Amino acid sequence: MTDISSISSSATAFIAKQTSDLNKATGAATASFASALSKVQNSVGLRPKTGFTAGPTYEAGTLAGRTKAVFNSALDATATALHIKVKP
């Protein structure tokens, strides 16, 4: 006959191992998701790649800042091609 305490101990150990493995998997998935989200935000321009939170360097790292820079560059090129002086 099997001892009840050994069955109980085995069941407790099994549940503890499953819980531990699940916690490890949850932590890994969370870290992986956070890393992927950060990379997407940086690539798309939702968040600047620099550590700045304001100013020209911050603006240059955002989607709006990059769009503005491209627009201004195209406007400057057009003005130069048409020999138009743009007031600063």
N, C-alpha and C. Protein backbone atom coordinates (compact mmCIF):
# COMPACT_ATOMS: atom_id res chain seq x y z
N MET A 1 0.84 -1.17 0.00
CA MET A 1 0.00 0.00 0.00
C MET A 1 0.89 1.24 0.00
N THR A 2 0.48 2.24 -0.77
CA THR A 2 1.25 3.47 -0.90
C THR A 2 0.93 4.42 0.24
N ASP A 3 1.94 5.05 0.70
CA ASP A 3 1.77 6.00 1.79
C ASP A 3 1.13 7.28 1.26
N ILE A 4 0.10 7.80 1.92
CA ILE A 4 -0.63 9.01 1.51
C ILE A 4 0.29 10.22 1.50
N SER A 5 1.21 10.31 2.44
CA SER A 5 2.09 11.47 2.52
C SER A 5 3.00 11.55 1.30
N SER A 6 3.44 10.41 0.76
CA SER A 6 4.31 10.44 -0.41
C SER A 6 3.54 10.88 -1.65
N ILE A 7 2.27 10.49 -1.75
CA ILE A 7 1.43 10.93 -2.88
C ILE A 7 1.19 12.43 -2.77
N SER A 8 0.87 12.87 -1.57
CA SER A 8 0.63 14.28 -1.34
C SER A 8 1.88 15.10 -1.63
N SER A 9 3.02 14.61 -1.22
CA SER A 9 4.28 15.30 -1.44
C SER A 9 4.60 15.36 -2.93
N SER A 10 4.37 14.27 -3.63
CA SER A 10 4.63 14.23 -5.07
C SER A 10 3.71 15.20 -5.82
N ALA A 11 2.45 15.23 -5.44
CA ALA A 11 1.48 16.13 -6.09
C ALA A 11 1.86 17.59 -5.82
N THR A 12 2.26 17.89 -4.61
CA THR A 12 2.66 19.25 -4.26
C THR A 12 3.90 19.66 -5.05
N ALA A 13 4.86 18.75 -5.16
CA ALA A 13 6.08 19.04 -5.92
C ALA A 13 5.76 19.25 -7.40
N PHE A 14 4.86 18.42 -7.93
CA PHE A 14 4.47 18.55 -9.34
C PHE A 14 3.81 19.91 -9.59
N ILE A 15 2.89 20.30 -8.74
CA ILE A 15 2.19 21.58 -8.90
C ILE A 15 3.16 22.75 -8.73
N ALA A 16 4.07 22.63 -7.78
CA ALA A 16 5.06 23.70 -7.57
C ALA A 16 5.96 23.85 -8.80
N LYS A 17 6.36 22.73 -9.41
CA LYS A 17 7.20 22.79 -10.60
C LYS A 17 6.43 23.41 -11.76
N GLN A 18 5.19 23.03 -11.94
CA GLN A 18 4.38 23.59 -13.03
C GLN A 18 4.18 25.10 -12.84
N THR A 19 3.94 25.50 -11.61
CA THR A 19 3.77 26.93 -11.30
C THR A 19 5.05 27.69 -11.57
N SER A 20 6.17 27.12 -11.17
CA SER A 20 7.47 27.76 -11.40
C SER A 20 7.74 27.90 -12.90
N ASP A 21 7.49 26.84 -13.66
CA ASP A 21 7.71 26.88 -15.11
C ASP A 21 6.79 27.91 -15.77
N LEU A 22 5.57 27.99 -15.31
CA LEU A 22 4.62 28.96 -15.86
C LEU A 22 5.07 30.38 -15.55
N ASN A 23 5.56 30.62 -14.34
CA ASN A 23 6.05 31.95 -13.98
C ASN A 23 7.27 32.34 -14.82
N LYS A 24 8.15 31.38 -15.08
CA LYS A 24 9.32 31.64 -15.92
C LYS A 24 8.88 31.99 -17.34
N ALA A 25 7.94 31.23 -17.86
CA ALA A 25 7.45 31.48 -19.22
C ALA A 25 6.75 32.83 -19.32
N THR A 26 6.01 33.19 -18.29
CA THR A 26 5.32 34.48 -18.26
C THR A 26 6.34 35.61 -18.26
N GLY A 27 7.37 35.49 -17.44
CA GLY A 27 8.41 36.52 -17.40
C GLY A 27 9.14 36.66 -18.72
N ALA A 28 9.46 35.54 -19.36
CA ALA A 28 10.14 35.58 -20.64
C ALA A 28 9.25 36.19 -21.72
N ALA A 29 7.98 35.83 -21.73
CA ALA A 29 7.05 36.37 -22.72
C ALA A 29 6.87 37.87 -22.53
N THR A 30 6.77 38.31 -21.29
CA THR A 30 6.61 39.73 -21.00
C THR A 30 7.83 40.52 -21.46
N ALA A 31 9.01 40.02 -21.16
CA ALA A 31 10.25 40.70 -21.56
C ALA A 31 10.37 40.73 -23.08
N SER A 32 10.02 39.63 -23.73
CA SER A 32 10.10 39.55 -25.18
C SER A 32 9.12 40.52 -25.83
N PHE A 33 7.91 40.58 -25.30
CA PHE A 33 6.91 41.50 -25.84
C PHE A 33 7.33 42.95 -25.64
N ALA A 34 7.86 43.28 -24.47
CA ALA A 34 8.31 44.65 -24.20
C ALA A 34 9.44 45.03 -25.14
N SER A 35 10.35 44.12 -25.39
CA SER A 35 11.47 44.38 -26.30
C SER A 35 10.97 44.59 -27.72
N ALA A 36 10.06 43.74 -28.17
CA ALA A 36 9.51 43.88 -29.52
C ALA A 36 8.73 45.17 -29.66
N LEU A 37 7.95 45.52 -28.66
CA LEU A 37 7.17 46.76 -28.70
C LEU A 37 8.09 47.97 -28.76
N SER A 38 9.16 47.95 -27.99
CA SER A 38 10.12 49.04 -28.00
C SER A 38 10.76 49.20 -29.38
N LYS A 39 11.14 48.08 -29.99
CA LYS A 39 11.75 48.12 -31.31
C LYS A 39 10.78 48.67 -32.36
N VAL A 40 9.52 48.26 -32.28
CA VAL A 40 8.52 48.76 -33.22
C VAL A 40 8.30 50.25 -33.01
N GLN A 41 8.19 50.69 -31.77
CA GLN A 41 8.00 52.11 -31.49
C GLN A 41 9.16 52.94 -32.03
N ASN A 42 10.38 52.44 -31.87
CA ASN A 42 11.55 53.15 -32.39
C ASN A 42 11.57 53.15 -33.91
N SER A 43 11.24 52.02 -34.52
CA SER A 43 11.27 51.91 -35.98
C SER A 43 10.20 52.77 -36.63
N VAL A 44 9.01 52.77 -36.07
CA VAL A 44 7.91 53.53 -36.64
C VAL A 44 8.03 55.01 -36.31
N GLY A 45 8.70 55.31 -35.23
CA GLY A 45 8.89 56.71 -34.85
C GLY A 45 7.92 57.18 -33.79
N LEU A 46 7.28 56.25 -33.12
CA LEU A 46 6.37 56.65 -32.05
C LEU A 46 7.14 57.09 -30.82
N ARG A 47 8.37 56.66 -30.73
CA ARG A 47 9.22 57.03 -29.60
C ARG A 47 10.61 57.29 -30.14
N PRO A 48 11.25 58.34 -29.70
CA PRO A 48 12.59 58.64 -30.22
C PRO A 48 13.61 57.61 -29.75
N LYS A 49 14.65 57.44 -30.54
CA LYS A 49 15.71 56.50 -30.20
C LYS A 49 16.67 57.10 -29.18
N THR A 50 16.64 58.41 -29.04
CA THR A 50 17.54 59.08 -28.11
C THR A 50 16.93 59.09 -26.71
N GLY A 51 17.70 59.54 -25.75
CA GLY A 51 17.19 59.64 -24.39
C GLY A 51 16.54 60.98 -24.11
N PHE A 52 16.46 61.84 -25.13
CA PHE A 52 15.89 63.17 -24.94
C PHE A 52 14.38 63.10 -24.87
N THR A 53 13.79 64.01 -24.07
CA THR A 53 12.33 64.06 -23.95
C THR A 53 11.77 65.39 -24.43
N ALA A 54 12.61 66.29 -24.91
CA ALA A 54 12.17 67.57 -25.45
C ALA A 54 13.30 68.18 -26.26
N GLY A 55 12.96 69.16 -27.06
CA GLY A 55 13.96 69.89 -27.83
C GLY A 55 14.15 69.34 -29.23
N PRO A 56 15.10 69.93 -29.97
CA PRO A 56 15.30 69.55 -31.36
C PRO A 56 15.73 68.09 -31.56
N THR A 57 16.54 67.57 -30.66
CA THR A 57 16.98 66.19 -30.79
C THR A 57 15.81 65.24 -30.58
N TYR A 58 14.95 65.54 -29.61
CA TYR A 58 13.75 64.74 -29.39
C TYR A 58 12.84 64.80 -30.60
N GLU A 59 12.62 66.00 -31.11
CA GLU A 59 11.72 66.17 -32.25
C GLU A 59 12.24 65.43 -33.48
N ALA A 60 13.56 65.47 -33.68
CA ALA A 60 14.15 64.79 -34.82
C ALA A 60 13.98 63.28 -34.75
N GLY A 61 13.76 62.75 -33.56
CA GLY A 61 13.58 61.31 -33.39
C GLY A 61 12.15 60.85 -33.46
N THR A 62 11.19 61.76 -33.54
CA THR A 62 9.79 61.38 -33.59
C THR A 62 9.29 61.33 -35.02
N LEU A 63 8.17 60.68 -35.23
CA LEU A 63 7.58 60.60 -36.56
C LEU A 63 7.19 61.98 -37.06
N ALA A 64 6.61 62.79 -36.21
CA ALA A 64 6.21 64.15 -36.59
C ALA A 64 7.44 64.98 -36.94
N GLY A 65 8.50 64.86 -36.18
CA GLY A 65 9.72 65.61 -36.43
C GLY A 65 10.38 65.20 -37.74
N ARG A 66 10.40 63.90 -37.99
CA ARG A 66 11.00 63.43 -39.24
C ARG A 66 10.15 63.84 -40.44
N THR A 67 8.84 63.79 -40.30
CA THR A 67 7.94 64.23 -41.38
C THR A 67 8.14 65.70 -41.67
N LYS A 68 8.24 66.49 -40.62
CA LYS A 68 8.46 67.93 -40.78
C LYS A 68 9.79 68.19 -41.48
N ALA A 69 10.84 67.46 -41.12
CA ALA A 69 12.15 67.63 -41.73
C ALA A 69 12.12 67.28 -43.22
N VAL A 70 11.42 66.20 -43.56
CA VAL A 70 11.30 65.81 -44.97
C VAL A 70 10.53 66.87 -45.74
N PHE A 71 9.43 67.35 -45.17
CA PHE A 71 8.62 68.38 -45.82
C PHE A 71 9.44 69.66 -46.02
N ASN A 72 10.14 70.08 -44.98
CA ASN A 72 10.96 71.29 -45.09
C ASN A 72 12.07 71.13 -46.13
N SER A 73 12.66 69.94 -46.18
CA SER A 73 13.70 69.67 -47.15
C SER A 73 13.15 69.73 -48.58
N ALA A 74 11.97 69.15 -48.79
CA ALA A 74 11.35 69.20 -50.12
C ALA A 74 10.98 70.63 -50.48
N LEU A 75 10.48 71.38 -49.52
CA LEU A 75 10.12 72.78 -49.76
C LEU A 75 11.35 73.60 -50.11
N ASP A 76 12.43 73.39 -49.39
CA ASP A 76 13.68 74.10 -49.68
C ASP A 76 14.22 73.74 -51.06
N ALA A 77 14.16 72.47 -51.43
CA ALA A 77 14.65 72.03 -52.74
C ALA A 77 13.81 72.65 -53.86
N THR A 78 12.50 72.70 -53.66
CA THR A 78 11.62 73.30 -54.65
C THR A 78 11.91 74.79 -54.79
N ALA A 79 12.05 75.48 -53.68
CA ALA A 79 12.35 76.92 -53.70
C ALA A 79 13.68 77.20 -54.39
N THR A 80 14.67 76.33 -54.11
CA THR A 80 15.97 76.50 -54.75
C THR A 80 15.88 76.28 -56.25
N ALA A 81 15.15 75.24 -56.66
CA ALA A 81 15.01 74.94 -58.08
C ALA A 81 14.29 76.04 -58.84
N LEU A 82 13.33 76.70 -58.18
CA LEU A 82 12.56 77.77 -58.82
C LEU A 82 13.16 79.14 -58.54
N HIS A 83 14.31 79.18 -57.88
CA HIS A 83 15.00 80.43 -57.54
C HIS A 83 14.09 81.37 -56.75
N ILE A 84 13.43 80.81 -55.75
CA ILE A 84 12.55 81.58 -54.87
C ILE A 84 13.25 81.74 -53.54
N LYS A 85 13.28 82.95 -53.02
CA LYS A 85 13.86 83.17 -51.70
C LYS A 85 12.73 83.07 -50.68
N VAL A 86 12.94 82.19 -49.69
CA VAL A 86 11.96 82.00 -48.63
C VAL A 86 12.42 82.76 -47.42
N LYS A 87 11.52 83.56 -46.85
CA LYS A 87 11.86 84.33 -45.65
C LYS A 87 12.01 83.38 -44.47
N PRO A 88 13.04 83.61 -43.65
CA PRO A 88 13.23 82.73 -42.48
C PRO A 88 12.19 82.95 -41.41
